Amino acid sequence: MSLPRPLVTLHFAQTLDGRIAAPNERVELSTPAGIEHAHRARADHDAVLVGIRTVVIDDPLLTVRACEGPQPMRVVLASALGVPEGARLLRRTSITSITSITSTTTANGTSRGQPAGGRVVVVGAAGRALDGARARLEERGAAVIVVPADDRGRVSLPHALAELHARGVRRLLVEGGAAVLTSFLRARLADRAEVEIAPRLLGDTAIPAVGALGEAPLASAIDLREPAVELLGGNLLLRGDVAYPD
């Protein structure tokens, strides 16, 4: 039986040759119009999610700053709960204005109902999540959820999504990085995609946006159904519904 989950939209910027970054180095690909669009997308979703490598390399705030709108819950997938001590999203002053969102709290202190605006939620994997790391994150004001591990020892995405759904998340924006984007696609858990494409080539030493989707590339190919295209400054935005092979 499938677990309940939010509607998932993948949102990322890439080059013409499908690259999102240099090895261990951030590459700015979005135009100012693209950044504003990304922040509007955050405001339109209940939560925004990234993987631990994105936090380590890009050190994002994951907040809405380039436009008006509510602040989403900020979710980090970190199997061992290894969010760096100095990560900007753990700073209490990282959000200057948060739209209040009502939430309910159960007897054991867990939030249910509407998502907490701007709150940081770190999701770890059972067997890898360390008690000391959990305590440190909770001291910094983050909520910690530990879910079963998948067969690779990483956070089980279906269980993580079910936990977010239980906390009121109905629309989830997934911003990366490459391993996270690939995992959502391989698990057929992405419903929509928005890809900002920069007219730049980085070559095969740069990191691809999406890794292998299956053993047979053509048989596992994923399409965008009814794609739409618009200009974002000098970049293109391609969006559509994700269509998986039969």
Protein backbone atom coordinates (compact mmCIF):
# COMPACT_ATOMS: atom_id res chain seq x y z
CA MET A 1 0.00 0.00 0.00
CA SER A 2 1.39 3.38 -0.99
CA LEU A 3 1.97 5.97 1.73
CA PRO A 4 0.31 9.41 1.62
CA ARG A 5 2.52 12.13 0.23
CA PRO A 6 2.43 15.72 -1.01
CA LEU A 7 2.44 16.75 -4.65
CA VAL A 8 6.13 17.08 -5.57
CA THR A 9 7.63 19.64 -7.95
CA LEU A 10 11.31 19.50 -8.94
CA HIS A 11 12.81 22.95 -9.46
CA PHE A 12 16.42 23.53 -10.50
CA ALA A 13 18.69 25.47 -12.84
CA GLN A 14 21.03 23.78 -15.31
CA THR A 15 23.22 24.51 -18.31
CA LEU A 16 22.52 23.58 -21.93
CA ASP A 17 24.49 20.39 -21.39
CA GLY A 18 22.50 19.48 -18.28
CA ARG A 19 25.04 20.45 -15.61
CA ILE A 20 24.21 22.12 -12.31
CA ALA A 21 27.58 22.74 -10.63
CA ALA A 22 31.32 22.24 -10.73
CA PRO A 23 32.70 19.55 -8.40
CA ASN A 24 32.44 20.87 -4.82
CA GLU A 25 31.85 24.38 -6.09
CA ARG A 26 28.71 26.40 -6.53
CA VAL A 27 27.95 27.81 -9.98
CA GLU A 28 25.43 30.64 -10.29
CA LEU A 29 23.16 29.80 -13.24
CA SER A 30 19.92 31.67 -12.51
CA THR A 31 19.20 35.16 -13.80
CA PRO A 32 17.62 37.77 -11.48
CA ALA A 33 14.27 36.89 -13.08
CA GLY A 34 15.02 33.22 -12.44
CA ILE A 35 15.80 33.89 -8.79
CA GLU A 36 12.54 35.78 -8.37
CA HIS A 37 10.66 32.93 -10.02
CA ALA A 38 12.34 30.40 -7.72
CA HIS A 39 11.37 32.43 -4.66
CA ARG A 40 7.78 32.70 -5.89
CA ALA A 41 7.79 28.92 -6.29
CA ARG A 42 8.95 28.59 -2.67
CA ALA A 43 6.16 30.88 -1.51
CA ASP A 44 3.63 28.80 -3.47
CA HIS A 45 4.65 25.57 -1.72
CA ASP A 46 4.26 24.40 1.86
CA ALA A 47 7.85 23.19 2.08
CA VAL A 48 11.13 23.29 0.16
CA LEU A 49 13.53 20.34 0.30
CA VAL A 50 17.23 19.85 -0.42
CA GLY A 51 19.84 17.20 0.31
CA ILE A 52 22.75 17.53 2.71
CA ARG A 53 25.34 18.12 -0.06
CA THR A 54 23.41 21.19 -1.21
CA VAL A 55 23.58 22.54 2.35
CA VAL A 56 27.31 21.81 2.58
CA ILE A 57 28.25 23.27 -0.82
CA ASP A 58 25.70 26.04 -1.43
CA ASP A 59 24.79 26.91 2.18
CA PRO A 60 21.29 28.12 1.15
CA LEU A 61 18.77 29.90 3.35
CA LEU A 62 15.81 28.35 1.47
CA THR A 63 13.70 31.39 2.33
CA VAL A 64 11.47 33.72 0.30
CA ARG A 65 13.32 37.02 -0.13
CA ALA A 66 13.01 38.13 -3.77
CA CYS A 67 9.23 38.54 -3.56
CA GLU A 68 6.39 38.80 -1.07
CA GLY A 69 4.89 35.60 0.25
CA PRO A 70 4.75 33.06 3.07
CA GLN A 71 7.88 31.27 4.20
CA PRO A 72 7.89 27.51 3.50
CA MET A 73 9.00 24.83 5.88
CA ARG A 74 12.67 24.09 5.10
CA VAL A 75 13.52 20.39 4.87
CA VAL A 76 16.97 18.83 4.68
CA LEU A 77 17.56 15.14 3.92
CA ALA A 78 20.59 14.19 6.01
CA SER A 79 20.83 10.48 6.78
CA ALA A 80 23.33 10.96 9.62
CA LEU A 81 21.90 14.39 10.63
CA GLY A 82 25.24 15.95 9.68
CA VAL A 83 24.11 19.52 9.02
CA PRO A 84 27.14 21.81 9.47
CA GLU A 85 27.17 23.81 12.70
CA GLY A 86 27.53 27.06 10.78
CA ALA A 87 24.81 26.40 8.18
CA ARG A 88 22.91 29.60 7.47
CA LEU A 89 19.52 27.93 7.63
CA LEU A 90 20.15 27.14 11.32
CA ARG A 91 20.58 30.79 12.20
CA ARG A 92 17.64 32.14 14.17
CA THR A 93 17.86 35.48 12.32
CA SER A 94 17.88 34.01 8.81
CA ILE A 95 14.24 34.99 8.22
CA THR A 96 13.38 38.65 8.71
CA SER A 97 9.66 38.25 8.10
CA ILE A 98 7.63 35.07 8.42
CA THR A 99 3.97 34.82 7.58
CA SER A 100 2.26 33.15 10.52
CA ILE A 101 0.80 29.71 9.81
CA THR A 102 -1.41 27.99 12.34
CA SER A 103 -0.33 24.57 13.53
CA THR A 104 -1.58 22.07 16.07
CA THR A 105 0.56 20.12 18.48
CA THR A 106 -0.17 16.62 19.66
CA ALA A 107 0.33 15.33 23.19
CA ASN A 108 3.87 14.16 22.39
CA GLY A 109 4.86 17.58 21.09
CA THR A 110 4.88 16.83 17.38
CA SER A 111 3.27 19.30 15.03
CA ARG A 112 0.29 18.21 12.95
CA GLY A 113 -1.99 20.13 10.61
CA GLN A 114 -0.73 23.26 8.88
CA PRO A 115 3.05 23.43 8.26
CA ALA A 116 5.18 25.71 10.41
CA GLY A 117 6.29 28.63 8.27
CA GLY A 118 10.03 28.74 7.81
CA ARG A 119 10.83 26.03 10.36
CA VAL A 120 13.82 23.81 9.64
CA VAL A 121 13.12 20.07 9.57
CA VAL A 122 16.02 17.63 9.23
CA VAL A 123 15.19 14.08 8.17
CA GLY A 124 17.59 11.31 9.14
CA ALA A 125 17.76 7.57 8.50
CA ALA A 126 17.29 4.96 11.22
CA GLY A 127 20.59 3.28 12.06
CA ARG A 128 22.62 6.27 10.87
CA ALA A 129 21.08 9.23 12.68
CA LEU A 130 23.26 10.00 15.71
CA ASP A 131 21.74 10.97 19.06
CA GLY A 132 24.34 13.69 19.59
CA ALA A 133 23.64 15.23 16.22
CA ARG A 134 19.91 15.14 16.91
CA ALA A 135 20.35 16.93 20.23
CA ARG A 136 22.58 19.57 18.64
CA LEU A 137 20.04 20.29 15.89
CA GLU A 138 17.14 20.47 18.32
CA GLU A 139 19.12 22.90 20.49
CA ARG A 140 19.41 25.13 17.40
CA GLY A 141 15.63 25.08 16.95
CA ALA A 142 15.38 22.50 14.17
CA ALA A 143 12.87 19.66 14.24
CA VAL A 144 14.33 16.20 13.63
CA ILE A 145 12.48 13.28 12.04
CA VAL A 146 14.05 9.82 11.79
CA VAL A 147 12.53 7.48 9.21
CA PRO A 148 13.50 4.01 7.98
CA ALA A 149 16.55 3.73 5.76
CA ASP A 150 16.33 2.50 2.18
CA ASP A 151 18.45 -0.37 0.86
CA ARG A 152 21.41 2.01 0.46
CA GLY A 153 21.23 3.29 4.02
CA ARG A 154 19.74 6.62 2.98
CA VAL A 155 16.49 8.27 4.02
CA SER A 156 13.50 6.35 2.65
CA LEU A 157 11.76 8.93 0.48
CA PRO A 158 8.24 7.43 0.76
CA HIS A 159 8.48 7.47 4.55
CA ALA A 160 9.95 10.97 4.61
CA LEU A 161 7.14 12.26 2.37
CA ALA A 162 4.54 10.55 4.55
CA GLU A 163 5.95 12.31 7.62
CA LEU A 164 5.84 15.67 5.85
CA HIS A 165 2.29 14.98 4.70
CA ALA A 166 1.32 14.23 8.32
CA ARG A 167 2.71 17.63 9.26
CA GLY A 168 0.46 19.43 6.78
CA VAL A 169 2.70 19.60 3.72
CA ARG A 170 0.57 19.19 0.62
CA ARG A 171 2.85 20.88 -1.94
CA LEU A 172 6.58 20.18 -1.79
CA LEU A 173 9.28 21.93 -3.83
CA VAL A 174 12.46 19.87 -4.32
CA GLU A 175 15.49 21.98 -5.30
CA GLY A 176 18.28 19.40 -5.37
CA GLY A 177 21.01 18.45 -5.47
CA ALA A 178 21.62 15.94 -8.21
CA ALA A 179 21.40 12.82 -6.02
CA VAL A 180 18.10 14.00 -4.54
CA LEU A 181 16.61 14.90 -7.93
CA THR A 182 17.65 11.53 -9.32
CA SER A 183 16.27 9.64 -6.31
CA PHE A 184 12.86 11.30 -6.63
CA LEU A 185 12.70 10.47 -10.34
CA ARG A 186 13.89 6.88 -9.92
CA ALA A 187 11.28 6.35 -7.19
CA ARG A 188 8.59 7.96 -9.39
CA LEU A 189 7.80 10.46 -6.67
CA ALA A 190 8.07 13.67 -8.72
CA ASP A 191 4.85 15.00 -10.25
CA ARG A 192 6.01 18.20 -11.95
CA ALA A 193 9.30 19.75 -13.00
CA GLU A 194 10.46 23.32 -13.60
CA VAL A 195 13.91 23.62 -15.15
CA GLU A 196 15.67 26.94 -15.71
CA ILE A 197 18.14 26.50 -18.58
CA ALA A 198 21.15 28.80 -18.88
CA PRO A 199 22.84 29.24 -22.29
CA ARG A 200 26.17 27.94 -21.02
CA LEU A 201 28.23 24.78 -21.41
CA LEU A 202 30.26 23.38 -18.50
CA GLY A 203 31.43 20.08 -19.99
CA ASP A 204 31.52 16.55 -18.65
CA THR A 205 33.70 17.33 -15.63
CA ALA A 206 30.79 19.28 -14.12
CA ILE A 207 27.99 17.63 -12.14
CA PRO A 208 24.94 16.49 -14.15
CA ALA A 209 21.51 17.52 -12.90
CA VAL A 210 20.21 13.96 -13.09
CA GLY A 211 22.07 10.67 -12.82
CA ALA A 212 21.18 7.24 -14.16
CA LEU A 213 17.45 6.56 -14.14
CA GLY A 214 17.69 2.84 -14.88
CA GLU A 215 19.75 0.12 -16.51
CA ALA A 216 18.32 0.78 -19.99
CA PRO A 217 18.42 4.52 -20.81
CA LEU A 218 15.65 4.51 -23.41
CA ALA A 219 13.36 2.17 -21.49
CA SER A 220 13.71 4.31 -18.35
CA ALA A 221 13.44 7.69 -20.09
CA ILE A 222 11.16 10.23 -18.40
CA ASP A 223 9.22 12.87 -20.34
CA LEU A 224 7.62 16.21 -19.57
CA ARG A 225 3.97 16.13 -20.60
CA GLU A 226 2.53 19.29 -22.22
CA PRO A 227 5.69 21.34 -21.67
CA ALA A 228 5.54 25.13 -21.50
CA VAL A 229 8.44 27.50 -22.15
CA GLU A 230 9.00 31.08 -21.00
CA LEU A 231 11.90 33.52 -20.86
CA LEU A 232 13.58 34.38 -17.57
CA GLY A 233 15.92 37.16 -18.60
CA GLY A 234 18.54 35.43 -20.74
CA ASN A 235 17.51 31.96 -19.57
CA LEU A 236 14.63 29.67 -20.51
CA LEU A 237 12.17 28.07 -18.11
CA LEU A 238 10.83 24.68 -19.16
CA ARG A 239 7.98 23.25 -17.10
CA GLY A 240 5.52 20.40 -17.32
CA ASP A 241 4.09 17.29 -15.73
CA VAL A 242 6.46 14.38 -15.23
CA ALA A 243 5.48 11.33 -17.32
CA TYR A 244 7.05 7.98 -16.40
CA PRO A 245 7.48 5.02 -18.78
CA ASP A 246 4.99 2.17 -18.58
